[in-house]
N, C-alpha and C. Protein backbone atom coordinates (compact mmCIF):
# COMPACT_ATOMS: atom_id res chain seq x y z
N MET A 1 0.88 -1.21 0.01
CA MET A 1 0.00 0.00 0.00
C MET A 1 0.90 1.24 -0.04
N PRO A 2 0.57 2.31 -0.83
CA PRO A 2 1.41 3.44 -0.91
C PRO A 2 1.26 4.24 0.52
N ALA A 3 2.28 4.97 0.77
CA ALA A 3 2.31 5.76 2.00
C ALA A 3 1.26 6.84 1.84
N MET A 4 0.57 7.08 2.92
CA MET A 4 -0.54 8.12 2.90
C MET A 4 -0.32 8.94 4.11
N GLY A 5 0.08 10.06 4.06
CA GLY A 5 0.34 10.97 5.24
C GLY A 5 -0.94 11.76 5.51
N ASP A 6 -0.86 12.67 6.53
CA ASP A 6 -1.94 13.53 6.85
C ASP A 6 -1.95 14.60 5.69
N SER A 7 -3.01 15.44 5.74
CA SER A 7 -3.16 16.39 4.72
C SER A 7 -1.98 17.46 4.64
N SER A 8 -1.18 17.56 5.73
CA SER A 8 -0.17 18.54 5.78
C SER A 8 1.00 18.02 4.95
N THR A 9 1.04 16.72 4.55
CA THR A 9 2.06 16.25 3.72
C THR A 9 1.66 16.24 2.24
N LEU A 10 0.49 16.73 1.86
CA LEU A 10 0.04 16.60 0.50
C LEU A 10 0.66 17.77 -0.37
N SER A 11 1.27 18.79 0.26
CA SER A 11 1.85 19.86 -0.55
C SER A 11 3.09 20.32 0.05
N ASP A 12 4.09 20.74 -0.77
CA ASP A 12 5.30 21.22 -0.29
C ASP A 12 5.23 22.74 -0.04
N LYS A 13 4.07 23.35 -0.49
CA LYS A 13 4.00 24.79 -0.21
C LYS A 13 2.64 25.02 0.42
N ALA A 14 2.59 26.25 1.16
CA ALA A 14 1.27 26.50 1.79
C ALA A 14 0.20 26.66 0.84
N PRO A 15 -1.14 26.19 1.06
CA PRO A 15 -2.24 26.35 0.17
C PRO A 15 -2.66 27.81 0.10
N SER A 16 -3.11 28.13 -1.00
CA SER A 16 -3.69 29.50 -1.37
C SER A 16 -4.97 29.56 -0.58
N ALA A 17 -5.44 30.84 -0.47
CA ALA A 17 -6.71 31.11 0.09
C ALA A 17 -7.86 30.37 -0.73
N GLY A 18 -7.77 30.39 -2.05
CA GLY A 18 -8.63 29.67 -2.90
C GLY A 18 -8.68 28.16 -2.68
N GLU A 19 -7.53 27.53 -2.47
CA GLU A 19 -7.38 26.19 -2.14
C GLU A 19 -8.03 25.83 -0.79
N ASN A 20 -7.81 26.62 0.21
CA ASN A 20 -8.44 26.41 1.46
C ASN A 20 -9.96 26.44 1.39
N PHE A 21 -10.43 27.41 0.64
CA PHE A 21 -11.88 27.57 0.37
C PHE A 21 -12.47 26.36 -0.35
N PHE A 22 -11.72 25.95 -1.40
CA PHE A 22 -12.15 24.82 -2.20
C PHE A 22 -12.15 23.58 -1.30
N MET A 23 -11.13 23.25 -0.54
CA MET A 23 -11.04 22.02 0.31
C MET A 23 -12.15 22.09 1.32
N ALA A 24 -12.53 23.24 1.76
CA ALA A 24 -13.59 23.39 2.84
C ALA A 24 -15.02 22.98 2.22
N SER A 25 -15.12 23.16 0.84
CA SER A 25 -16.32 22.82 0.23
C SER A 25 -16.56 21.31 0.00
N LEU A 26 -15.57 20.52 0.29
CA LEU A 26 -15.58 19.13 0.01
C LEU A 26 -15.99 18.33 1.25
N THR A 27 -16.60 17.23 1.05
CA THR A 27 -16.91 16.26 2.24
C THR A 27 -15.63 15.70 2.58
N GLN A 28 -15.60 14.98 3.83
CA GLN A 28 -14.43 14.40 4.32
C GLN A 28 -13.97 13.27 3.34
N ARG A 29 -14.95 12.46 2.93
CA ARG A 29 -14.62 11.38 1.93
C ARG A 29 -14.09 11.88 0.61
N GLU A 30 -14.69 13.02 0.12
CA GLU A 30 -14.10 13.58 -1.14
C GLU A 30 -12.68 14.09 -1.04
N ARG A 31 -12.42 14.62 0.27
CA ARG A 31 -10.94 14.98 0.52
C ARG A 31 -10.15 13.74 0.56
N GLU A 32 -10.57 12.65 1.10
CA GLU A 32 -9.78 11.49 1.14
C GLU A 32 -9.47 10.91 -0.25
N VAL A 33 -10.52 10.86 -1.00
CA VAL A 33 -10.42 10.38 -2.42
C VAL A 33 -9.36 11.26 -3.15
N LEU A 34 -9.60 12.56 -3.03
CA LEU A 34 -8.74 13.52 -3.70
C LEU A 34 -7.32 13.38 -3.25
N ALA A 35 -7.05 13.18 -1.98
CA ALA A 35 -5.70 12.90 -1.48
C ALA A 35 -5.07 11.62 -2.15
N TRP A 36 -5.89 10.62 -2.34
CA TRP A 36 -5.40 9.48 -3.07
C TRP A 36 -5.05 9.74 -4.35
N ILE A 37 -5.95 10.47 -5.05
CA ILE A 37 -5.69 10.89 -6.53
C ILE A 37 -4.42 11.66 -6.61
N TRP A 38 -4.14 12.54 -5.62
CA TRP A 38 -2.93 13.35 -5.60
C TRP A 38 -1.79 12.60 -5.25
N ASN A 39 -1.94 11.41 -4.65
CA ASN A 39 -0.83 10.64 -4.17
C ASN A 39 0.12 10.28 -5.29
N PRO A 40 1.49 10.45 -5.10
CA PRO A 40 2.51 10.22 -6.16
C PRO A 40 2.38 8.80 -6.65
N SER A 41 1.92 7.79 -6.03
CA SER A 41 1.85 6.43 -6.56
C SER A 41 0.70 6.29 -7.53
N LYS A 42 -0.17 7.35 -7.71
CA LYS A 42 -1.32 7.22 -8.63
C LYS A 42 -2.08 5.91 -8.53
N PRO A 43 -2.66 5.64 -7.43
CA PRO A 43 -3.40 4.36 -7.36
C PRO A 43 -4.71 4.34 -8.20
N SER A 44 -5.17 3.24 -8.73
CA SER A 44 -6.33 3.16 -9.44
C SER A 44 -7.56 3.35 -8.58
N PHE A 45 -8.73 3.56 -9.08
CA PHE A 45 -9.94 3.75 -8.37
C PHE A 45 -10.27 2.37 -7.56
N CYS A 46 -9.78 1.24 -8.10
CA CYS A 46 -9.98 -0.03 -7.41
C CYS A 46 -9.09 -0.06 -6.29
N GLU A 47 -7.81 0.38 -6.39
CA GLU A 47 -6.89 0.40 -5.27
C GLU A 47 -7.33 1.42 -4.21
N ILE A 48 -7.81 2.59 -4.61
CA ILE A 48 -8.28 3.58 -3.65
C ILE A 48 -9.49 2.96 -2.89
N ALA A 49 -10.38 2.24 -3.60
CA ALA A 49 -11.48 1.65 -2.83
C ALA A 49 -11.07 0.61 -1.76
N ARG A 50 -10.08 -0.09 -2.19
CA ARG A 50 -9.49 -1.13 -1.29
C ARG A 50 -8.86 -0.50 0.01
N TYR A 51 -8.06 0.61 -0.25
CA TYR A 51 -7.42 1.32 0.86
C TYR A 51 -8.42 1.98 1.71
N MET A 52 -9.54 2.46 1.14
CA MET A 52 -10.56 3.18 1.97
C MET A 52 -11.63 2.25 2.50
N ASN A 53 -11.61 1.04 2.10
CA ASN A 53 -12.60 0.06 2.49
C ASN A 53 -13.94 0.41 2.08
N ILE A 54 -14.12 0.84 0.77
CA ILE A 54 -15.38 1.18 0.19
C ILE A 54 -15.38 0.51 -1.23
N SER A 55 -16.51 0.52 -1.85
CA SER A 55 -16.62 -0.05 -3.23
C SER A 55 -16.02 0.95 -4.20
N THR A 56 -15.63 0.31 -5.36
CA THR A 56 -15.04 1.03 -6.53
C THR A 56 -16.12 2.02 -7.03
N ARG A 57 -17.36 1.63 -7.01
CA ARG A 57 -18.46 2.47 -7.43
C ARG A 57 -18.57 3.75 -6.56
N THR A 58 -18.35 3.60 -5.23
CA THR A 58 -18.41 4.61 -4.27
C THR A 58 -17.31 5.64 -4.63
N VAL A 59 -16.10 5.20 -4.88
CA VAL A 59 -14.98 5.97 -5.28
C VAL A 59 -15.37 6.83 -6.52
N GLU A 60 -15.83 6.00 -7.59
CA GLU A 60 -16.36 6.70 -8.86
C GLU A 60 -17.34 7.87 -8.59
N LYS A 61 -18.30 7.59 -7.73
CA LYS A 61 -19.33 8.66 -7.38
C LYS A 61 -18.58 9.80 -6.66
N HIS A 62 -17.66 9.61 -5.77
CA HIS A 62 -16.91 10.69 -5.16
C HIS A 62 -16.23 11.52 -6.22
N VAL A 63 -15.57 10.80 -7.15
CA VAL A 63 -14.81 11.45 -8.24
C VAL A 63 -15.79 12.21 -9.19
N GLU A 64 -16.90 11.71 -9.37
CA GLU A 64 -17.92 12.47 -10.23
C GLU A 64 -18.31 13.81 -9.57
N ARG A 65 -18.39 13.72 -8.24
CA ARG A 65 -18.77 14.93 -7.56
C ARG A 65 -17.56 15.92 -7.53
N LEU A 66 -16.41 15.38 -7.52
CA LEU A 66 -15.13 16.22 -7.53
C LEU A 66 -15.12 16.96 -8.86
N TYR A 67 -15.39 16.16 -9.92
CA TYR A 67 -15.39 16.75 -11.32
C TYR A 67 -16.40 17.90 -11.28
N LYS A 68 -17.60 17.74 -10.85
CA LYS A 68 -18.59 18.78 -10.86
C LYS A 68 -18.16 19.96 -9.98
N LYS A 69 -17.55 19.74 -8.86
CA LYS A 69 -17.14 20.87 -8.06
C LYS A 69 -15.97 21.62 -8.58
N THR A 70 -15.06 20.90 -9.32
CA THR A 70 -13.93 21.56 -9.87
C THR A 70 -14.05 22.04 -11.24
N GLY A 71 -15.03 21.52 -11.91
CA GLY A 71 -15.27 21.94 -13.35
C GLY A 71 -14.24 21.19 -14.31
N VAL A 72 -13.59 20.20 -13.84
CA VAL A 72 -12.77 19.51 -14.72
C VAL A 72 -13.42 18.13 -15.04
N HIS A 73 -13.01 17.40 -16.08
CA HIS A 73 -13.74 16.27 -16.50
C HIS A 73 -12.76 15.08 -16.77
N SER A 74 -11.67 15.05 -16.20
CA SER A 74 -10.85 13.81 -16.21
C SER A 74 -9.91 13.75 -15.08
N ARG A 75 -9.53 12.56 -14.83
CA ARG A 75 -8.60 12.36 -13.66
C ARG A 75 -7.29 13.09 -13.79
N LYS A 76 -6.74 13.04 -15.07
CA LYS A 76 -5.55 13.83 -15.33
C LYS A 76 -5.60 15.25 -14.91
N LEU A 77 -6.76 15.92 -15.34
CA LEU A 77 -6.92 17.30 -14.99
C LEU A 77 -7.22 17.53 -13.50
N LEU A 78 -7.87 16.54 -12.90
CA LEU A 78 -8.00 16.57 -11.51
C LEU A 78 -6.74 16.51 -10.69
N GLU A 79 -5.76 15.69 -11.23
CA GLU A 79 -4.43 15.72 -10.66
C GLU A 79 -3.78 17.03 -10.78
N LYS A 80 -3.93 17.64 -11.99
CA LYS A 80 -3.29 18.96 -12.15
C LYS A 80 -4.14 20.04 -11.37
N PHE A 81 -5.27 19.83 -11.05
CA PHE A 81 -6.16 20.91 -10.43
C PHE A 81 -5.45 21.43 -9.15
N ARG A 82 -4.55 20.71 -8.57
CA ARG A 82 -3.85 20.98 -7.35
C ARG A 82 -3.09 22.27 -7.45
N ALA A 83 -2.79 22.63 -8.66
CA ALA A 83 -1.96 23.93 -8.96
C ALA A 83 -2.88 25.08 -8.59
N ASN A 84 -2.30 26.07 -7.75
CA ASN A 84 -3.15 27.15 -7.28
C ASN A 84 -3.83 27.93 -8.40
N GLU A 85 -3.09 28.04 -9.51
CA GLU A 85 -3.70 28.88 -10.62
C GLU A 85 -5.01 28.26 -11.10
N MET A 86 -5.09 26.94 -11.27
CA MET A 86 -6.29 26.35 -11.67
C MET A 86 -7.38 26.49 -10.62
N ILE A 87 -7.02 26.29 -9.34
CA ILE A 87 -7.99 26.36 -8.26
C ILE A 87 -8.54 27.81 -8.24
N ASP A 88 -7.71 28.76 -8.23
CA ASP A 88 -8.21 30.15 -8.15
C ASP A 88 -9.13 30.55 -9.39
N GLU A 89 -8.68 30.07 -10.61
CA GLU A 89 -9.46 30.30 -11.82
C GLU A 89 -10.76 29.68 -11.78
N ASN A 90 -10.84 28.37 -11.37
CA ASN A 90 -12.11 27.66 -11.41
C ASN A 90 -13.00 28.18 -10.32
N LEU A 91 -12.48 28.60 -9.13
CA LEU A 91 -13.34 29.15 -8.11
C LEU A 91 -14.02 30.42 -8.61
N LYS A 92 -13.32 31.27 -9.34
CA LYS A 92 -13.92 32.48 -9.95
C LYS A 92 -14.98 32.14 -10.93
N ASN A 93 -14.71 31.08 -11.78
CA ASN A 93 -15.68 30.73 -12.81
C ASN A 93 -16.93 30.00 -12.21
N LYS A 94 -16.72 29.18 -11.20
CA LYS A 94 -17.82 28.41 -10.60
C LYS A 94 -18.51 29.11 -9.47
N ASN A 95 -17.98 30.18 -8.99
CA ASN A 95 -18.58 30.97 -7.84
C ASN A 95 -18.85 30.06 -6.69
N LEU A 96 -17.85 29.25 -6.34
CA LEU A 96 -18.02 28.34 -5.27
C LEU A 96 -17.91 29.07 -3.92
């Protein structure tokens, strides 16, 4: 199983105000799924489900909600969404 630290280990730099606001808009489980997606080992949805002890379909539903909240429509873009510029731009466009 890949190493999974607390949220303070997810970024080498301090989060922007936009990122803090965005993260606050997510449920705890959405944050957990997003942390796994951002994990350097890039686990599959099936692996994420196994690590979180939930079904693959539940992971997929969390990811669908993350797509809707972020305005992106692929896992690759969701991985890149961590960049502050994308977060700040999408927050402005989505009025979250």
